[in-house]
Amino acid sequence: MTNPSPQNGTAGEAAKVSLYKRREKLFVHYVGGYFQRLRLYTGWPLLLGYFLLPWVQWHGRQGVLFDLPARKFYILGLTLWPQDFMLLAWLLMIAAFSLFLITSLVGRLWCGYTCPQTVWTAVFLWVEKLTEGSSNQRRRLDRQHQRRARGGPAAGPDHA
């Protein structure tokens, strides 16, 4: 894209302006402390509930079972038939408005500790630290990959 400007010379000349910025990589530092441990202790039970709830047995069947051919939904002992969807819709609306109310009152608590995106991000950062090391180790590893991509030696002066 060109941008004619009197600062770039004469008004007839055009300067090239890039619309895309080169991607800058982020190397997140591990942050420890009381609130991080609290996030860990609230996040893992939520993830375990998410993954294990379908395998929980409740009155001889799964705790949460959506039996589509039989048109029944079993949710922890509650059986919902097609005619109960109005009730289910009201329950979901109440849950949504409760979420909005709780978020408006104590939003930082929701967003910081129990929001699924926050929990997944914390797990991803934990796995990244286990597999690639600390932020300094990841930075060195990235430089090593960049040198290899350019065809240079894998180890540089910082990898003696």
C-alpha atoms as a PDB file:
ATOM      1  CA  MET A   1       0.000   0.000   0.000  1.00  0.00           C
ATOM      2  CA  THR A   2       1.310   3.424  -0.766  1.00  0.00           C
ATOM      3  CA  ASN A   3       0.814   6.508   1.276  1.00  0.00           C
ATOM      4  CA  PRO A   4       1.594   9.825  -0.435  1.00  0.00           C
ATOM      5  CA  SER A   5       2.950  12.228   2.099  1.00  0.00           C
ATOM      6  CA  PRO A   6       4.796  15.510   1.807  1.00  0.00           C
ATOM      7  CA  GLN A   7       7.201  14.293   4.516  1.00  0.00           C
ATOM      8  CA  ASN A   8       8.487  11.496   2.263  1.00  0.00           C
ATOM      9  CA  GLY A   9       9.697  13.830  -0.459  1.00  0.00           C
ATOM     10  CA  THR A  10       7.586  15.484  -3.055  1.00  0.00           C
ATOM     11  CA  ALA A  11       3.841  15.097  -3.155  1.00  0.00           C
ATOM     12  CA  GLY A  12       4.123  12.918  -6.285  1.00  0.00           C
ATOM     13  CA  GLU A  13       6.313  10.299  -4.601  1.00  0.00           C
ATOM     14  CA  ALA A  14       4.809   7.456  -2.653  1.00  0.00           C
ATOM     15  CA  ALA A  15       6.208   5.675   0.382  1.00  0.00           C
ATOM     16  CA  LYS A  16       5.576   1.996   0.998  1.00  0.00           C
ATOM     17  CA  VAL A  17       3.824   1.185   4.250  1.00  0.00           C
ATOM     18  CA  SER A  18       3.518  -2.372   5.464  1.00  0.00           C
ATOM     19  CA  LEU A  19       0.115  -3.383   6.788  1.00  0.00           C
ATOM     20  CA  TYR A  20       1.508  -6.426   8.577  1.00  0.00           C
ATOM     21  CA  LYS A  21       3.769  -6.435  11.576  1.00  0.00           C
ATOM     22  CA  ARG A  22       6.273  -9.194  12.094  1.00  0.00           C
ATOM     23  CA  ARG A  23       5.121 -11.629  14.759  1.00  0.00           C
ATOM     24  CA  GLU A  24       6.851 -11.175  18.078  1.00  0.00           C
ATOM     25  CA  LYS A  25       7.043 -14.302  20.208  1.00  0.00           C
ATOM     26  CA  LEU A  26       6.117 -14.213  23.859  1.00  0.00           C
ATOM     27  CA  PHE A  27       7.998 -16.227  26.426  1.00  0.00           C
ATOM     28  CA  VAL A  28       5.814 -16.269  29.523  1.00  0.00           C
ATOM     29  CA  HIS A  29       7.575 -16.376  32.887  1.00  0.00           C
ATOM     30  CA  TYR A  30       6.317 -18.729  35.555  1.00  0.00           C
ATOM     31  CA  VAL A  31       4.610 -16.821  38.354  1.00  0.00           C
ATOM     32  CA  GLY A  32       4.301 -18.487  41.716  1.00  0.00           C
ATOM     33  CA  GLY A  33       2.660 -17.551  44.967  1.00  0.00           C
ATOM     34  CA  TYR A  34      -0.479 -17.918  47.008  1.00  0.00           C
ATOM     35  CA  PHE A  35      -2.977 -16.900  44.327  1.00  0.00           C
ATOM     36  CA  GLN A  36      -1.364 -19.116  41.683  1.00  0.00           C
ATOM     37  CA  ARG A  37      -1.652 -22.091  44.037  1.00  0.00           C
ATOM     38  CA  LEU A  38      -5.281 -21.114  44.668  1.00  0.00           C
ATOM     39  CA  ARG A  39      -5.890 -21.072  40.909  1.00  0.00           C
ATOM     40  CA  LEU A  40      -4.271 -24.491  40.652  1.00  0.00           C
ATOM     41  CA  TYR A  41      -6.440 -25.883  43.447  1.00  0.00           C
ATOM     42  CA  THR A  42      -9.635 -24.530  41.850  1.00  0.00           C
ATOM     43  CA  GLY A  43      -8.720 -25.396  38.256  1.00  0.00           C
ATOM     44  CA  TRP A  44      -7.824 -29.060  38.580  1.00  0.00           C
ATOM     45  CA  PRO A  45     -11.134 -30.114  40.195  1.00  0.00           C
ATOM     46  CA  LEU A  46     -13.009 -28.322  37.402  1.00  0.00           C
ATOM     47  CA  LEU A  47     -11.005 -30.153  34.741  1.00  0.00           C
ATOM     48  CA  LEU A  48     -11.404 -33.481  36.512  1.00  0.00           C
ATOM     49  CA  GLY A  49     -15.158 -32.907  36.737  1.00  0.00           C
ATOM     50  CA  TYR A  50     -15.281 -32.057  33.049  1.00  0.00           C
ATOM     51  CA  PHE A  51     -13.459 -35.229  32.037  1.00  0.00           C
ATOM     52  CA  LEU A  52     -14.796 -37.681  34.625  1.00  0.00           C
ATOM     53  CA  LEU A  53     -18.472 -36.699  34.865  1.00  0.00           C
ATOM     54  CA  PRO A  54     -19.539 -38.879  31.894  1.00  0.00           C
ATOM     55  CA  TRP A  55     -18.048 -41.942  33.630  1.00  0.00           C
ATOM     56  CA  VAL A  56     -19.754 -41.391  36.975  1.00  0.00           C
ATOM     57  CA  GLN A  57     -22.444 -44.029  37.553  1.00  0.00           C
ATOM     58  CA  TRP A  58     -25.749 -42.738  38.894  1.00  0.00           C
ATOM     59  CA  HIS A  59     -28.643 -45.172  39.511  1.00  0.00           C
ATOM     60  CA  GLY A  60     -27.183 -47.778  37.167  1.00  0.00           C
ATOM     61  CA  ARG A  61     -26.346 -45.477  34.226  1.00  0.00           C
ATOM     62  CA  GLN A  62     -23.997 -42.639  33.397  1.00  0.00           C
ATOM     63  CA  GLY A  63     -24.357 -39.532  35.508  1.00  0.00           C
ATOM     64  CA  VAL A  64     -24.766 -37.390  32.396  1.00  0.00           C
ATOM     65  CA  LEU A  65     -26.266 -39.260  29.451  1.00  0.00           C
ATOM     66  CA  PHE A  66     -27.915 -37.764  26.387  1.00  0.00           C
ATOM     67  CA  ASP A  67     -29.817 -40.717  24.932  1.00  0.00           C
ATOM     68  CA  LEU A  68     -30.841 -39.237  21.579  1.00  0.00           C
ATOM     69  CA  PRO A  69     -32.492 -42.338  20.036  1.00  0.00           C
ATOM     70  CA  ALA A  70     -34.735 -42.717  23.084  1.00  0.00           C
ATOM     71  CA  ARG A  71     -35.170 -38.911  23.320  1.00  0.00           C
ATOM     72  CA  LYS A  72     -34.207 -38.801  26.991  1.00  0.00           C
ATOM     73  CA  PHE A  73     -31.595 -36.776  28.811  1.00  0.00           C
ATOM     74  CA  TYR A  74     -30.325 -38.136  32.130  1.00  0.00           C
ATOM     75  CA  ILE A  75     -28.566 -35.561  34.284  1.00  0.00           C
ATOM     76  CA  LEU A  76     -27.604 -36.882  37.749  1.00  0.00           C
ATOM     77  CA  GLY A  77     -30.851 -38.741  38.371  1.00  0.00           C
ATOM     78  CA  LEU A  78     -33.037 -36.172  36.610  1.00  0.00           C
ATOM     79  CA  THR A  79     -34.710 -37.559  33.480  1.00  0.00           C
ATOM     80  CA  LEU A  80     -35.720 -34.969  30.892  1.00  0.00           C
ATOM     81  CA  TRP A  81     -38.176 -35.874  28.126  1.00  0.00           C
ATOM     82  CA  PRO A  82     -38.871 -33.776  24.994  1.00  0.00           C
ATOM     83  CA  GLN A  83     -41.839 -32.088  26.691  1.00  0.00           C
ATOM     84  CA  ASP A  84     -39.470 -30.960  29.471  1.00  0.00           C
ATOM     85  CA  PHE A  85     -37.384 -28.769  27.177  1.00  0.00           C
ATOM     86  CA  MET A  86     -39.289 -25.669  28.272  1.00  0.00           C
ATOM     87  CA  LEU A  87     -38.130 -26.422  31.810  1.00  0.00           C
ATOM     88  CA  LEU A  88     -34.598 -27.034  30.534  1.00  0.00           C
ATOM     89  CA  ALA A  89     -34.681 -23.759  28.600  1.00  0.00           C
ATOM     90  CA  TRP A  90     -35.740 -21.890  31.741  1.00  0.00           C
ATOM     91  CA  LEU A  91     -32.993 -23.602  33.764  1.00  0.00           C
ATOM     92  CA  LEU A  92     -30.395 -22.643  31.166  1.00  0.00           C
ATOM     93  CA  MET A  93     -31.630 -19.035  31.091  1.00  0.00           C
ATOM     94  CA  ILE A  94     -31.466 -18.866  34.888  1.00  0.00           C
ATOM     95  CA  ALA A  95     -27.953 -20.318  34.749  1.00  0.00           C
ATOM     96  CA  ALA A  96     -26.914 -17.765  32.105  1.00  0.00           C
ATOM     97  CA  PHE A  97     -28.320 -14.814  34.051  1.00  0.00           C
ATOM     98  CA  SER A  98     -26.716 -16.151  37.227  1.00  0.00           C
ATOM     99  CA  LEU A  99     -23.419 -16.269  35.387  1.00  0.00           C
ATOM    100  CA  PHE A 100     -23.909 -12.663  34.232  1.00  0.00           C
ATOM    101  CA  LEU A 101     -24.802 -11.553  37.762  1.00  0.00           C
ATOM    102  CA  ILE A 102     -21.873 -13.349  39.371  1.00  0.00           C
ATOM    103  CA  THR A 103     -19.515 -12.014  36.698  1.00  0.00           C
ATOM    104  CA  SER A 104     -20.701  -8.452  37.269  1.00  0.00           C
ATOM    105  CA  LEU A 105     -20.344  -8.769  41.040  1.00  0.00           C
ATOM    106  CA  VAL A 106     -17.156 -10.799  41.344  1.00  0.00           C
ATOM    107  CA  GLY A 107     -15.905 -10.955  37.761  1.00  0.00           C
ATOM    108  CA  ARG A 108     -12.251 -11.137  38.718  1.00  0.00           C
ATOM    109  CA  LEU A 109     -12.945 -14.285  40.699  1.00  0.00           C
ATOM    110  CA  TRP A 110     -14.648 -15.931  37.704  1.00  0.00           C
ATOM    111  CA  CYS A 111     -12.167 -14.744  35.086  1.00  0.00           C
ATOM    112  CA  GLY A 112      -9.098 -15.382  37.193  1.00  0.00           C
ATOM    113  CA  TYR A 113      -9.817 -18.759  38.702  1.00  0.00           C
ATOM    114  CA  THR A 114     -12.727 -20.716  37.257  1.00  0.00           C
ATOM    115  CA  CYS A 115     -13.240 -19.572  33.657  1.00  0.00           C
ATOM    116  CA  PRO A 116     -12.566 -22.566  31.365  1.00  0.00           C
ATOM    117  CA  GLN A 117     -10.243 -20.510  29.154  1.00  0.00           C
ATOM    118  CA  THR A 118      -8.154 -19.527  32.180  1.00  0.00           C
ATOM    119  CA  VAL A 119      -7.990 -23.120  33.399  1.00  0.00           C
ATOM    120  CA  TRP A 120      -6.958 -24.433  29.955  1.00  0.00           C
ATOM    121  CA  THR A 121      -4.338 -21.672  29.605  1.00  0.00           C
ATOM    122  CA  ALA A 122      -2.855 -22.554  33.000  1.00  0.00           C
ATOM    123  CA  VAL A 123      -2.696 -26.231  32.014  1.00  0.00           C
ATOM    124  CA  PHE A 124      -1.098 -25.340  28.680  1.00  0.00           C
ATOM    125  CA  LEU A 125       1.555 -23.197  30.399  1.00  0.00           C
ATOM    126  CA  TRP A 126       2.258 -26.025  32.845  1.00  0.00           C
ATOM    127  CA  VAL A 127       2.702 -28.521  29.978  1.00  0.00           C
ATOM    128  CA  GLU A 128       4.868 -26.028  28.093  1.00  0.00           C
ATOM    129  CA  LYS A 129       7.102 -25.614  31.147  1.00  0.00           C
ATOM    130  CA  LEU A 130       7.401 -29.410  31.495  1.00  0.00           C
ATOM    131  CA  THR A 131       8.228 -30.016  27.829  1.00  0.00           C
ATOM    132  CA  GLU A 132      10.256 -26.936  26.841  1.00  0.00           C
ATOM    133  CA  GLY A 133      11.558 -25.616  30.147  1.00  0.00           C
ATOM    134  CA  SER A 134      11.536 -22.146  31.650  1.00  0.00           C
ATOM    135  CA  SER A 135      11.083 -18.980  29.626  1.00  0.00           C
ATOM    136  CA  ASN A 136      14.859 -18.534  29.281  1.00  0.00           C
ATOM    137  CA  GLN A 137      15.227 -22.122  28.048  1.00  0.00           C
ATOM    138  CA  ARG A 138      12.393 -21.581  25.533  1.00  0.00           C
ATOM    139  CA  ARG A 139      14.058 -18.376  24.318  1.00  0.00           C
ATOM    140  CA  ARG A 140      17.352 -20.242  23.752  1.00  0.00           C
ATOM    141  CA  LEU A 141      15.519 -23.120  22.064  1.00  0.00           C
ATOM    142  CA  ASP A 142      13.775 -20.666  19.742  1.00  0.00           C
ATOM    143  CA  ARG A 143      17.092 -19.021  18.773  1.00  0.00           C
ATOM    144  CA  GLN A 144      18.528 -22.470  18.091  1.00  0.00           C
ATOM    145  CA  HIS A 145      15.609 -23.310  15.783  1.00  0.00           C
ATOM    146  CA  GLN A 146      15.976 -19.984  13.986  1.00  0.00           C
ATOM    147  CA  ARG A 147      19.692 -20.645  13.347  1.00  0.00           C
ATOM    148  CA  ARG A 148      18.877 -24.102  11.981  1.00  0.00           C
ATOM    149  CA  ALA A 149      16.203 -22.638   9.716  1.00  0.00           C
ATOM    150  CA  ARG A 150      18.740 -20.180   8.287  1.00  0.00           C
ATOM    151  CA  GLY A 151      21.209 -23.002   7.706  1.00  0.00           C
ATOM    152  CA  GLY A 152      23.661 -21.977  10.399  1.00  0.00           C
ATOM    153  CA  PRO A 153      25.119 -24.097  13.185  1.00  0.00           C
ATOM    154  CA  ALA A 154      22.676 -25.298  15.805  1.00  0.00           C
ATOM    155  CA  ALA A 155      24.819 -24.197  18.730  1.00  0.00           C
ATOM    156  CA  GLY A 156      26.008 -20.653  19.078  1.00  0.00           C
ATOM    157  CA  PRO A 157      28.101 -18.813  21.638  1.00  0.00           C
ATOM    158  CA  ASP A 158      25.364 -19.111  24.247  1.00  0.00           C
ATOM    159  CA  HIS A 159      25.269 -22.934  23.809  1.00  0.00           C
ATOM    160  CA  ALA A 160      28.858 -23.758  24.636  1.00  0.00           C
END
